Amino acid sequence: MISPEAARYLSAAVAALALYGVGMSMGNLFSSWLSSVSRNPEADEKLNMKGILGFALVESIGLFAFIIAMLILFK
């Protein structure tokens, strides 16, 4: 039988797994953005807003996952 404290730690770790996906997504987003801007510098104006929007959406998912993990741990 698993203790309630161990179950809490395990569920917080599962909730924090989303942070791995967030890190991978941010790396992919900025890698693609830098690659496209270096190939076509005139497209920087158009790609800047899309890159910032993508960053904000991915970062919000990471913050939600972090908050849920902290709520599970320190309930």
PDB file of N, CA and C in Angstrom:
ATOM      1  N   MET A   1       0.850  -1.184   0.000  1.00  0.00           N
ATOM      2  CA  MET A   1       0.000   0.000   0.000  1.00  0.00           C
ATOM      3  C   MET A   1       0.891   1.242   0.000  1.00  0.00           C
ATOM      4  N   ILE A   2       0.524   2.216  -0.775  1.00  0.00           N
ATOM      5  CA  ILE A   2       1.298   3.448  -0.884  1.00  0.00           C
ATOM      6  C   ILE A   2       0.779   4.462   0.136  1.00  0.00           C
ATOM      7  N   SER A   3       1.686   5.137   0.777  1.00  0.00           N
ATOM      8  CA  SER A   3       1.276   6.120   1.780  1.00  0.00           C
ATOM      9  C   SER A   3       0.740   7.381   1.090  1.00  0.00           C
ATOM     10  N   PRO A   4      -0.086   8.143   1.776  1.00  0.00           N
ATOM     11  CA  PRO A   4      -0.615   9.373   1.167  1.00  0.00           C
ATOM     12  C   PRO A   4       0.468  10.385   0.803  1.00  0.00           C
ATOM     13  N   GLU A   5       1.532  10.432   1.602  1.00  0.00           N
ATOM     14  CA  GLU A   5       2.617  11.367   1.291  1.00  0.00           C
ATOM     15  C   GLU A   5       3.365  10.942   0.027  1.00  0.00           C
ATOM     16  N   ALA A   6       3.592   9.638  -0.121  1.00  0.00           N
ATOM     17  CA  ALA A   6       4.260   9.148  -1.333  1.00  0.00           C
ATOM     18  C   ALA A   6       3.385   9.372  -2.564  1.00  0.00           C
ATOM     19  N   ALA A   7       2.084   9.194  -2.416  1.00  0.00           N
ATOM     20  CA  ALA A   7       1.165   9.438  -3.533  1.00  0.00           C
ATOM     21  C   ALA A   7       1.174  10.913  -3.922  1.00  0.00           C
ATOM     22  N   ARG A   8       1.281  11.784  -2.934  1.00  0.00           N
ATOM     23  CA  ARG A   8       1.344  13.218  -3.221  1.00  0.00           C
ATOM     24  C   ARG A   8       2.610  13.574  -3.990  1.00  0.00           C
ATOM     25  N   TYR A   9       3.742  13.014  -3.578  1.00  0.00           N
ATOM     26  CA  TYR A   9       4.994  13.272  -4.292  1.00  0.00           C
ATOM     27  C   TYR A   9       4.963  12.711  -5.707  1.00  0.00           C
ATOM     28  N   LEU A  10       4.393  11.536  -5.857  1.00  0.00           N
ATOM     29  CA  LEU A  10       4.308  10.920  -7.171  1.00  0.00           C
ATOM     30  C   LEU A  10       3.403  11.719  -8.107  1.00  0.00           C
ATOM     31  N   SER A  11       2.275  12.182  -7.604  1.00  0.00           N
ATOM     32  CA  SER A  11       1.371  12.964  -8.455  1.00  0.00           C
ATOM     33  C   SER A  11       1.963  14.332  -8.798  1.00  0.00           C
ATOM     34  N   ALA A  12       2.731  14.912  -7.896  1.00  0.00           N
ATOM     35  CA  ALA A  12       3.406  16.177  -8.208  1.00  0.00           C
ATOM     36  C   ALA A  12       4.479  15.969  -9.272  1.00  0.00           C
ATOM     37  N   ALA A  13       5.166  14.847  -9.224  1.00  0.00           N
ATOM     38  CA  ALA A  13       6.180  14.554 -10.243  1.00  0.00           C
ATOM     39  C   ALA A  13       5.529  14.344 -11.602  1.00  0.00           C
ATOM     40  N   VAL A  14       4.389  13.689 -11.643  1.00  0.00           N
ATOM     41  CA  VAL A  14       3.675  13.486 -12.903  1.00  0.00           C
ATOM     42  C   VAL A  14       3.180  14.822 -13.447  1.00  0.00           C
ATOM     43  N   ALA A  15       2.716  15.699 -12.573  1.00  0.00           N
ATOM     44  CA  ALA A  15       2.265  17.018 -13.018  1.00  0.00           C
ATOM     45  C   ALA A  15       3.432  17.851 -13.545  1.00  0.00           C
ATOM     46  N   ALA A  16       4.607  17.638 -12.995  1.00  0.00           N
ATOM     47  CA  ALA A  16       5.781  18.398 -13.421  1.00  0.00           C
ATOM     48  C   ALA A  16       6.394  17.857 -14.713  1.00  0.00           C
ATOM     49  N   LEU A  17       5.947  16.711 -15.189  1.00  0.00           N
ATOM     50  CA  LEU A  17       6.462  16.169 -16.446  1.00  0.00           C
ATOM     51  C   LEU A  17       6.134  17.072 -17.630  1.00  0.00           C
ATOM     52  N   ALA A  18       5.109  17.866 -17.517  1.00  0.00           N
ATOM     53  CA  ALA A  18       4.759  18.793 -18.598  1.00  0.00           C
ATOM     54  C   ALA A  18       5.858  19.823 -18.805  1.00  0.00           C
ATOM     55  N   LEU A  19       6.649  20.079 -17.788  1.00  0.00           N
ATOM     56  CA  LEU A  19       7.736  21.055 -17.919  1.00  0.00           C
ATOM     57  C   LEU A  19       8.815  20.575 -18.886  1.00  0.00           C
ATOM     58  N   TYR A  20       8.975  19.271 -19.017  1.00  0.00           N
ATOM     59  CA  TYR A  20       9.914  18.735 -20.003  1.00  0.00           C
ATOM     60  C   TYR A  20       9.447  19.089 -21.419  1.00  0.00           C
ATOM     61  N   GLY A  21       8.163  18.899 -21.678  1.00  0.00           N
ATOM     62  CA  GLY A  21       7.606  19.249 -22.989  1.00  0.00           C
ATOM     63  C   GLY A  21       7.688  20.732 -23.265  1.00  0.00           C
ATOM     64  N   VAL A  22       7.514  21.534 -22.243  1.00  0.00           N
ATOM     65  CA  VAL A  22       7.614  22.985 -22.408  1.00  0.00           C
ATOM     66  C   VAL A  22       9.033  23.379 -22.790  1.00  0.00           C
ATOM     67  N   GLY A  23      10.017  22.798 -22.140  1.00  0.00           N
ATOM     68  CA  GLY A  23      11.410  23.101 -22.475  1.00  0.00           C
ATOM     69  C   GLY A  23      11.763  22.686 -23.891  1.00  0.00           C
ATOM     70  N   MET A  24      11.295  21.522 -24.297  1.00  0.00           N
ATOM     71  CA  MET A  24      11.552  21.062 -25.660  1.00  0.00           C
ATOM     72  C   MET A  24      10.850  21.962 -26.673  1.00  0.00           C
ATOM     73  N   SER A  25       9.639  22.372 -26.372  1.00  0.00           N
ATOM     74  CA  SER A  25       8.892  23.238 -27.297  1.00  0.00           C
ATOM     75  C   SER A  25       9.537  24.605 -27.435  1.00  0.00           C
ATOM     76  N   MET A  26      10.006  25.163 -26.337  1.00  0.00           N
ATOM     77  CA  MET A  26      10.668  26.470 -26.411  1.00  0.00           C
ATOM     78  C   MET A  26      11.965  26.393 -27.206  1.00  0.00           C
ATOM     79  N   GLY A  27      12.714  25.336 -26.999  1.00  0.00           N
ATOM     80  CA  GLY A  27      13.940  25.171 -27.768  1.00  0.00           C
ATOM     81  C   GLY A  27      13.657  25.033 -29.253  1.00  0.00           C
ATOM     82  N   ASN A  28      12.641  24.269 -29.597  1.00  0.00           N
ATOM     83  CA  ASN A  28      12.267  24.100 -30.994  1.00  0.00           C
ATOM     84  C   ASN A  28      11.743  25.401 -31.588  1.00  0.00           C
ATOM     85  N   LEU A  29      10.953  26.141 -30.832  1.00  0.00           N
ATOM     86  CA  LEU A  29      10.384  27.400 -31.303  1.00  0.00           C
ATOM     87  C   LEU A  29      11.483  28.407 -31.632  1.00  0.00           C
ATOM     88  N   PHE A  30      12.407  28.622 -30.705  1.00  0.00           N
ATOM     89  CA  PHE A  30      13.440  29.625 -30.930  1.00  0.00           C
ATOM     90  C   PHE A  30      14.488  29.160 -31.930  1.00  0.00           C
ATOM     91  N   SER A  31      14.724  27.858 -32.003  1.00  0.00           N
ATOM     92  CA  SER A  31      15.633  27.348 -33.020  1.00  0.00           C
ATOM     93  C   SER A  31      15.069  27.588 -34.415  1.00  0.00           C
ATOM     94  N   SER A  32      13.790  27.317 -34.591  1.00  0.00           N
ATOM     95  CA  SER A  32      13.155  27.540 -35.891  1.00  0.00           C
ATOM     96  C   SER A  32      13.093  29.026 -36.217  1.00  0.00           C
ATOM     97  N   TRP A  33      12.818  29.832 -35.201  1.00  0.00           N
ATOM     98  CA  TRP A  33      12.724  31.277 -35.430  1.00  0.00           C
ATOM     99  C   TRP A  33      14.084  31.848 -35.856  1.00  0.00           C
ATOM    100  N   LEU A  34      15.143  31.466 -35.149  1.00  0.00           N
ATOM    101  CA  LEU A  34      16.472  31.970 -35.504  1.00  0.00           C
ATOM    102  C   LEU A  34      16.913  31.476 -36.879  1.00  0.00           C
ATOM    103  N   SER A  35      16.577  30.256 -37.203  1.00  0.00           N
ATOM    104  CA  SER A  35      16.934  29.716 -38.506  1.00  0.00           C
ATOM    105  C   SER A  35      16.215  30.457 -39.630  1.00  0.00           C
ATOM    106  N   SER A  36      14.929  30.725 -39.431  1.00  0.00           N
ATOM    107  CA  SER A  36      14.173  31.411 -40.480  1.00  0.00           C
ATOM    108  C   SER A  36      14.582  32.874 -40.620  1.00  0.00           C
ATOM    109  N   VAL A  37      14.902  33.534 -39.517  1.00  0.00           N
ATOM    110  CA  VAL A  37      15.326  34.936 -39.589  1.00  0.00           C
ATOM    111  C   VAL A  37      16.720  35.042 -40.203  1.00  0.00           C
ATOM    112  N   SER A  38      17.577  34.064 -39.928  1.00  0.00           N
ATOM    113  CA  SER A  38      18.915  34.133 -40.524  1.00  0.00           C
ATOM    114  C   SER A  38      18.872  33.872 -42.028  1.00  0.00           C
ATOM    115  N   ARG A  39      17.890  33.120 -42.490  1.00  0.00           N
ATOM    116  CA  ARG A  39      17.762  32.881 -43.927  1.00  0.00           C
ATOM    117  C   ARG A  39      17.084  34.039 -44.644  1.00  0.00           C
ATOM    118  N   ASN A  40      16.144  34.692 -43.959  1.00  0.00           N
ATOM    119  CA  ASN A  40      15.394  35.779 -44.585  1.00  0.00           C
ATOM    120  C   ASN A  40      15.239  36.921 -43.570  1.00  0.00           C
ATOM    121  N   PRO A  41      16.192  37.841 -43.481  1.00  0.00           N
ATOM    122  CA  PRO A  41      16.135  38.901 -42.471  1.00  0.00           C
ATOM    123  C   PRO A  41      14.948  39.856 -42.645  1.00  0.00           C
ATOM    124  N   GLU A  42      14.411  39.973 -43.844  1.00  0.00           N
ATOM    125  CA  GLU A  42      13.270  40.870 -44.042  1.00  0.00           C
ATOM    126  C   GLU A  42      11.997  40.345 -43.371  1.00  0.00           C
ATOM    127  N   ALA A  43      11.954  39.073 -43.067  1.00  0.00           N
ATOM    128  CA  ALA A  43      10.765  38.477 -42.455  1.00  0.00           C
ATOM    129  C   ALA A  43      10.762  38.620 -40.935  1.00  0.00           C
ATOM    130  N   ASP A  44      11.728  39.324 -40.394  1.00  0.00           N
ATOM    131  CA  ASP A  44      11.831  39.456 -38.939  1.00  0.00           C
ATOM    132  C   ASP A  44      10.612  40.138 -38.341  1.00  0.00           C
ATOM    133  N   GLU A  45      10.096  41.154 -38.995  1.00  0.00           N
ATOM    134  CA  GLU A  45       8.926  41.880 -38.474  1.00  0.00           C
ATOM    135  C   GLU A  45       7.712  40.961 -38.362  1.00  0.00           C
ATOM    136  N   LYS A  46       7.485  40.146 -39.389  1.00  0.00           N
ATOM    137  CA  LYS A  46       6.328  39.254 -39.381  1.00  0.00           C
ATOM    138  C   LYS A  46       6.495  38.111 -38.392  1.00  0.00           C
ATOM    139  N   LEU A  47       7.707  37.598 -38.283  1.00  0.00           N
ATOM    140  CA  LEU A  47       7.938  36.441 -37.424  1.00  0.00           C
ATOM    141  C   LEU A  47       8.091  36.812 -35.962  1.00  0.00           C
ATOM    142  N   ASN A  48       8.411  38.059 -35.669  1.00  0.00           N
ATOM    143  CA  ASN A  48       8.633  38.477 -34.290  1.00  0.00           C
ATOM    144  C   ASN A  48       7.361  38.316 -33.453  1.00  0.00           C
ATOM    145  N   MET A  49       6.235  38.807 -33.952  1.00  0.00           N
ATOM    146  CA  MET A  49       4.994  38.711 -33.181  1.00  0.00           C
ATOM    147  C   MET A  49       4.531  37.261 -33.041  1.00  0.00           C
ATOM    148  N   LYS A  50       4.691  36.473 -34.092  1.00  0.00           N
ATOM    149  CA  LYS A  50       4.297  35.063 -34.005  1.00  0.00           C
ATOM    150  C   LYS A  50       5.184  34.310 -33.026  1.00  0.00           C
ATOM    151  N   GLY A  51       6.459  34.635 -32.994  1.00  0.00           N
ATOM    152  CA  GLY A  51       7.362  34.002 -32.045  1.00  0.00           C
ATOM    153  C   GLY A  51       7.047  34.369 -30.603  1.00  0.00           C
ATOM    154  N   ILE A  52       6.718  35.621 -30.381  1.00  0.00           N
ATOM    155  CA  ILE A  52       6.361  36.053 -29.027  1.00  0.00           C
ATOM    156  C   ILE A  52       5.051  35.414 -28.578  1.00  0.00           C
ATOM    157  N   LEU A  53       4.092  35.310 -29.485  1.00  0.00           N
ATOM    158  CA  LEU A  53       2.824  34.663 -29.158  1.00  0.00           C
ATOM    159  C   LEU A  53       3.043  33.186 -28.836  1.00  0.00           C
ATOM    160  N   GLY A  54       3.844  32.510 -29.633  1.00  0.00           N
ATOM    161  CA  GLY A  54       4.145  31.110 -29.359  1.00  0.00           C
ATOM    162  C   GLY A  54       4.857  30.927 -28.037  1.00  0.00           C
ATOM    163  N   PHE A  55       5.803  31.816 -27.753  1.00  0.00           N
ATOM    164  CA  PHE A  55       6.506  31.754 -26.471  1.00  0.00           C
ATOM    165  C   PHE A  55       5.543  31.939 -25.305  1.00  0.00           C
ATOM    166  N   ALA A  56       4.635  32.894 -25.421  1.00  0.00           N
ATOM    167  CA  ALA A  56       3.688  33.157 -24.334  1.00  0.00           C
ATOM    168  C   ALA A  56       2.753  31.969 -24.107  1.00  0.00           C
ATOM    169  N   LEU A  57       2.295  31.347 -25.173  1.00  0.00           N
ATOM    170  CA  LEU A  57       1.396  30.210 -25.017  1.00  0.00           C
ATOM    171  C   LEU A  57       2.106  29.009 -24.404  1.00  0.00           C
ATOM    172  N   VAL A  58       3.318  28.748 -24.841  1.00  0.00           N
ATOM    173  CA  VAL A  58       4.073  27.619 -24.291  1.00  0.00           C
ATOM    174  C   VAL A  58       4.452  27.891 -22.842  1.00  0.00           C
ATOM    175  N   GLU A  59       4.835  29.104 -22.543  1.00  0.00           N
ATOM    176  CA  GLU A  59       5.214  29.457 -21.173  1.00  0.00           C
ATOM    177  C   GLU A  59       4.016  29.375 -20.229  1.00  0.00           C
ATOM    178  N   SER A  60       2.831  29.731 -20.708  1.00  0.00           N
ATOM    179  CA  SER A  60       1.649  29.644 -19.843  1.00  0.00           C
ATOM    180  C   SER A  60       1.344  28.194 -19.483  1.00  0.00           C
ATOM    181  N   ILE A  61       1.547  27.270 -20.409  1.00  0.00           N
ATOM    182  CA  ILE A  61       1.349  25.856 -20.096  1.00  0.00           C
ATOM    183  C   ILE A  61       2.342  25.412 -19.022  1.00  0.00           C
ATOM    184  N   GLY A  62       3.584  25.870 -19.139  1.00  0.00           N
ATOM    185  CA  GLY A  62       4.587  25.538 -18.132  1.00  0.00           C
ATOM    186  C   GLY A  62       4.251  26.105 -16.765  1.00  0.00           C
ATOM    187  N   LEU A  63       3.766  27.334 -16.736  1.00  0.00           N
ATOM    188  CA  LEU A  63       3.391  27.935 -15.448  1.00  0.00           C
ATOM    189  C   LEU A  63       2.205  27.215 -14.822  1.00  0.00           C
ATOM    190  N   PHE A  64       1.226  26.826 -15.634  1.00  0.00           N
ATOM    191  CA  PHE A  64       0.088  26.080 -15.095  1.00  0.00           C
ATOM    192  C   PHE A  64       0.535  24.744 -14.520  1.00  0.00           C
ATOM    193  N   ALA A  65       1.421  24.045 -15.219  1.00  0.00           N
ATOM    194  CA  ALA A  65       1.914  22.758 -14.716  1.00  0.00           C
ATOM    195  C   ALA A  65       2.695  22.946 -13.421  1.00  0.00           C
ATOM    196  N   PHE A  66       3.503  23.993 -13.349  1.00  0.00           N
ATOM    197  CA  PHE A  66       4.274  24.256 -12.139  1.00  0.00           C
ATOM    198  C   PHE A  66       3.354  24.594 -10.963  1.00  0.00           C
ATOM    199  N   ILE A  67       2.346  25.396 -11.198  1.00  0.00           N
ATOM    200  CA  ILE A  67       1.415  25.767 -10.137  1.00  0.00           C
ATOM    201  C   ILE A  67       0.642  24.555  -9.641  1.00  0.00           C
ATOM    202  N   ILE A  68       0.223  23.689 -10.551  1.00  0.00           N
ATOM    203  CA  ILE A  68      -0.499  22.488 -10.145  1.00  0.00           C
ATOM    204  C   ILE A  68       0.400  21.578  -9.318  1.00  0.00           C
ATOM    205  N   ALA A  69       1.662  21.424  -9.734  1.00  0.00           N
ATOM    206  CA  ALA A  69       2.592  20.592  -8.965  1.00  0.00           C
ATOM    207  C   ALA A  69       2.821  21.173  -7.570  1.00  0.00           C
ATOM    208  N   MET A  70       2.952  22.486  -7.468  1.00  0.00           N
ATOM    209  CA  MET A  70       3.146  23.101  -6.153  1.00  0.00           C
ATOM    210  C   MET A  70       1.891  22.997  -5.289  1.00  0.00           C
ATOM    211  N   LEU A  71       0.728  23.112  -5.902  1.00  0.00           N
ATOM    212  CA  LEU A  71      -0.513  22.942  -5.127  1.00  0.00           C
ATOM    213  C   LEU A  71      -0.652  21.523  -4.604  1.00  0.00           C
ATOM    214  N   ILE A  72      -0.233  20.559  -5.394  1.00  0.00           N
ATOM    215  CA  ILE A  72      -0.298  19.179  -4.928  1.00  0.00           C
ATOM    216  C   ILE A  72       0.680  18.958  -3.780  1.00  0.00           C
ATOM    217  N   LEU A  73       1.877  19.520  -3.896  1.00  0.00           N
ATOM    218  CA  LEU A  73       2.890  19.302  -2.847  1.00  0.00           C
ATOM    219  C   LEU A  73       2.547  20.010  -1.540  1.00  0.00           C
ATOM    220  N   PHE A  74       2.110  21.239  -1.618  1.00  0.00           N
ATOM    221  CA  PHE A  74       1.936  22.049  -0.413  1.00  0.00           C
ATOM    222  C   PHE A  74       0.471  22.317  -0.103  1.00  0.00           C
ATOM    223  N   LYS A  75      -0.363  21.346  -0.288  1.00  0.00           N
ATOM    224  CA  LYS A  75      -1.786  21.484  -0.023  1.00  0.00           C
ATOM    225  C   LYS A  75      -2.052  21.603   1.461  1.00  0.00           C
TER     226      LYS A  75
END
